[in-house]
Amino acid sequence: MINTIGFNLKKYRLLKNLSKMKLAEAADLHFTYISQIERGLRKNLSVLKLKQITDTLGVTLDDIVCKNT
């Protein structure tokens, strides 16, 4: 699941043409947090922080958490 979240986060970030830094600034997070999620290094994800990211990207939690088929 961690890898799916990271993959989807990066996919939607790139679709919105945002750098990790710009996404982090807009979501009021540190860019290393975004980077760690995308690389699957962040094992304990905060649901509230993930919600901040999805709101910033304009996607749902399902878009980020669910495996795309």
N, C-alpha and C. Protein backbone atom coordinates (compact mmCIF):
# COMPACT_ATOMS: atom_id res chain seq x y z
N MET A 1 0.82 -1.19 0.00
CA MET A 1 0.00 0.00 0.00
C MET A 1 0.87 1.27 0.00
N ILE A 2 1.98 1.25 0.72
CA ILE A 2 2.86 2.41 0.78
C ILE A 2 3.37 2.75 -0.62
N ASN A 3 3.74 1.73 -1.38
CA ASN A 3 4.24 1.97 -2.74
C ASN A 3 3.15 2.51 -3.65
N THR A 4 1.92 2.03 -3.49
CA THR A 4 0.79 2.53 -4.28
C THR A 4 0.55 4.00 -3.99
N ILE A 5 0.58 4.37 -2.73
CA ILE A 5 0.37 5.77 -2.35
C ILE A 5 1.47 6.64 -2.95
N GLY A 6 2.70 6.20 -2.84
CA GLY A 6 3.81 6.96 -3.39
C GLY A 6 3.72 7.12 -4.90
N PHE A 7 3.40 6.02 -5.59
CA PHE A 7 3.27 6.06 -7.04
C PHE A 7 2.16 7.01 -7.47
N ASN A 8 0.99 6.89 -6.82
CA ASN A 8 -0.14 7.74 -7.19
C ASN A 8 0.09 9.20 -6.85
N LEU A 9 0.72 9.46 -5.72
CA LEU A 9 1.04 10.83 -5.36
C LEU A 9 1.92 11.47 -6.42
N LYS A 10 2.96 10.77 -6.80
CA LYS A 10 3.87 11.31 -7.83
C LYS A 10 3.14 11.50 -9.15
N LYS A 11 2.30 10.54 -9.52
CA LYS A 11 1.56 10.63 -10.78
C LYS A 11 0.69 11.89 -10.81
N TYR A 12 -0.08 12.11 -9.76
CA TYR A 12 -0.97 13.28 -9.74
C TYR A 12 -0.19 14.58 -9.59
N ARG A 13 0.92 14.54 -8.88
CA ARG A 13 1.76 15.73 -8.75
C ARG A 13 2.30 16.14 -10.11
N LEU A 14 2.78 15.15 -10.87
CA LEU A 14 3.32 15.44 -12.20
C LEU A 14 2.22 15.88 -13.17
N LEU A 15 1.04 15.27 -13.06
CA LEU A 15 -0.08 15.68 -13.91
C LEU A 15 -0.45 17.14 -13.68
N LYS A 16 -0.28 17.61 -12.44
CA LYS A 16 -0.57 19.01 -12.09
C LYS A 16 0.64 19.90 -12.35
N ASN A 17 1.72 19.29 -12.86
CA ASN A 17 2.95 20.02 -13.19
C ASN A 17 3.52 20.76 -11.98
N LEU A 18 3.55 20.06 -10.84
CA LEU A 18 4.07 20.64 -9.60
C LEU A 18 5.37 19.95 -9.20
N SER A 19 6.32 20.71 -8.74
CA SER A 19 7.52 20.13 -8.15
C SER A 19 7.17 19.67 -6.74
N LYS A 20 8.02 18.86 -6.15
CA LYS A 20 7.80 18.44 -4.77
C LYS A 20 7.78 19.66 -3.86
N MET A 21 8.66 20.61 -4.16
CA MET A 21 8.74 21.82 -3.33
C MET A 21 7.45 22.63 -3.41
N LYS A 22 6.92 22.81 -4.62
CA LYS A 22 5.69 23.60 -4.79
C LYS A 22 4.50 22.91 -4.13
N LEU A 23 4.41 21.59 -4.29
CA LEU A 23 3.32 20.85 -3.64
C LEU A 23 3.43 20.97 -2.13
N ALA A 24 4.63 20.81 -1.61
CA ALA A 24 4.84 20.90 -0.17
C ALA A 24 4.46 22.28 0.35
N GLU A 25 4.87 23.32 -0.34
CA GLU A 25 4.53 24.68 0.08
C GLU A 25 3.02 24.89 0.08
N ALA A 26 2.36 24.43 -0.98
CA ALA A 26 0.91 24.62 -1.10
C ALA A 26 0.15 23.82 -0.04
N ALA A 27 0.68 22.66 0.34
CA ALA A 27 0.02 21.80 1.33
C ALA A 27 0.49 22.11 2.75
N ASP A 28 1.37 23.08 2.89
CA ASP A 28 1.92 23.47 4.19
C ASP A 28 2.65 22.31 4.86
N LEU A 29 3.50 21.63 4.06
CA LEU A 29 4.31 20.52 4.55
C LEU A 29 5.75 20.73 4.10
N HIS A 30 6.65 19.94 4.64
CA HIS A 30 8.05 20.01 4.22
C HIS A 30 8.23 19.13 2.98
N PHE A 31 9.07 19.59 2.05
CA PHE A 31 9.23 18.84 0.80
C PHE A 31 9.82 17.46 1.03
N THR A 32 10.58 17.26 2.10
CA THR A 32 11.12 15.92 2.35
C THR A 32 10.01 14.94 2.72
N TYR A 33 8.93 15.44 3.31
CA TYR A 33 7.78 14.57 3.62
C TYR A 33 7.18 14.04 2.32
N ILE A 34 7.00 14.92 1.36
CA ILE A 34 6.47 14.53 0.03
C ILE A 34 7.43 13.53 -0.62
N SER A 35 8.70 13.84 -0.60
CA SER A 35 9.71 12.98 -1.21
C SER A 35 9.73 11.60 -0.58
N GLN A 36 9.66 11.54 0.74
CA GLN A 36 9.67 10.25 1.42
C GLN A 36 8.44 9.42 1.10
N ILE A 37 7.30 10.05 0.97
CA ILE A 37 6.08 9.32 0.59
C ILE A 37 6.25 8.75 -0.82
N GLU A 38 6.69 9.58 -1.75
CA GLU A 38 6.83 9.13 -3.14
C GLU A 38 7.82 7.98 -3.28
N ARG A 39 8.85 7.98 -2.46
CA ARG A 39 9.87 6.93 -2.55
C ARG A 39 9.55 5.72 -1.68
N GLY A 40 8.41 5.75 -0.98
CA GLY A 40 8.02 4.62 -0.15
C GLY A 40 8.80 4.52 1.14
N LEU A 41 9.44 5.62 1.55
CA LEU A 41 10.25 5.61 2.76
C LEU A 41 9.46 6.02 3.99
N ARG A 42 8.35 6.68 3.80
CA ARG A 42 7.53 7.15 4.92
C ARG A 42 6.54 6.04 5.24
N LYS A 43 6.78 5.32 6.31
CA LYS A 43 5.94 4.17 6.67
C LYS A 43 4.73 4.57 7.50
N ASN A 44 4.85 5.60 8.32
CA ASN A 44 3.74 6.06 9.15
C ASN A 44 3.18 7.35 8.56
N LEU A 45 2.20 7.20 7.70
CA LEU A 45 1.59 8.37 7.06
C LEU A 45 0.48 8.91 7.94
N SER A 46 0.45 10.19 8.09
CA SER A 46 -0.64 10.85 8.79
C SER A 46 -1.80 11.02 7.81
N VAL A 47 -2.97 10.55 8.20
CA VAL A 47 -4.15 10.70 7.34
C VAL A 47 -4.47 12.17 7.13
N LEU A 48 -4.29 12.97 8.15
CA LEU A 48 -4.57 14.40 8.02
C LEU A 48 -3.61 15.07 7.04
N LYS A 49 -2.34 14.69 7.09
CA LYS A 49 -1.37 15.25 6.14
C LYS A 49 -1.65 14.75 4.73
N LEU A 50 -2.03 13.49 4.61
CA LEU A 50 -2.37 12.96 3.30
C LEU A 50 -3.58 13.69 2.73
N LYS A 51 -4.53 14.04 3.59
CA LYS A 51 -5.70 14.80 3.17
C LYS A 51 -5.29 16.20 2.71
N GLN A 52 -4.34 16.82 3.39
CA GLN A 52 -3.82 18.13 2.97
C GLN A 52 -3.25 18.03 1.55
N ILE A 53 -2.54 16.95 1.29
CA ILE A 53 -1.92 16.76 -0.03
C ILE A 53 -2.99 16.55 -1.09
N THR A 54 -3.97 15.68 -0.80
CA THR A 54 -5.00 15.41 -1.81
C THR A 54 -5.85 16.65 -2.08
N ASP A 55 -6.14 17.42 -1.05
CA ASP A 55 -6.88 18.67 -1.25
C ASP A 55 -6.10 19.62 -2.14
N THR A 56 -4.81 19.71 -1.92
CA THR A 56 -3.96 20.58 -2.73
C THR A 56 -3.92 20.12 -4.18
N LEU A 57 -3.88 18.80 -4.38
CA LEU A 57 -3.84 18.25 -5.75
C LEU A 57 -5.22 18.23 -6.42
N GLY A 58 -6.27 18.39 -5.62
CA GLY A 58 -7.61 18.33 -6.18
C GLY A 58 -8.05 16.92 -6.52
N VAL A 59 -7.56 15.95 -5.75
CA VAL A 59 -7.94 14.55 -5.94
C VAL A 59 -8.50 14.02 -4.63
N THR A 60 -9.04 12.82 -4.66
CA THR A 60 -9.60 12.21 -3.46
C THR A 60 -8.58 11.30 -2.80
N LEU A 61 -8.84 10.94 -1.56
CA LEU A 61 -8.00 9.97 -0.89
C LEU A 61 -8.01 8.64 -1.64
N ASP A 62 -9.17 8.26 -2.18
CA ASP A 62 -9.27 7.04 -2.97
C ASP A 62 -8.32 7.07 -4.17
N ASP A 63 -8.20 8.24 -4.81
CA ASP A 63 -7.29 8.36 -5.96
C ASP A 63 -5.85 8.03 -5.57
N ILE A 64 -5.47 8.40 -4.36
CA ILE A 64 -4.09 8.20 -3.91
C ILE A 64 -3.89 6.81 -3.30
N VAL A 65 -4.87 6.34 -2.54
CA VAL A 65 -4.70 5.11 -1.77
C VAL A 65 -4.98 3.87 -2.59
N CYS A 66 -5.94 3.94 -3.51
CA CYS A 66 -6.35 2.73 -4.26
C CYS A 66 -5.45 2.48 -5.45
N LYS A 67 -5.21 1.21 -5.66
CA LYS A 67 -4.42 0.80 -6.83
C LYS A 67 -5.24 1.02 -8.09
N ASN A 68 -4.64 1.69 -9.05
CA ASN A 68 -5.34 1.93 -10.32
C ASN A 68 -5.27 0.70 -11.19
N THR A 69 -6.39 0.37 -11.81
CA THR A 69 -6.42 -0.81 -12.69
C THR A 69 -6.49 -0.40 -14.12
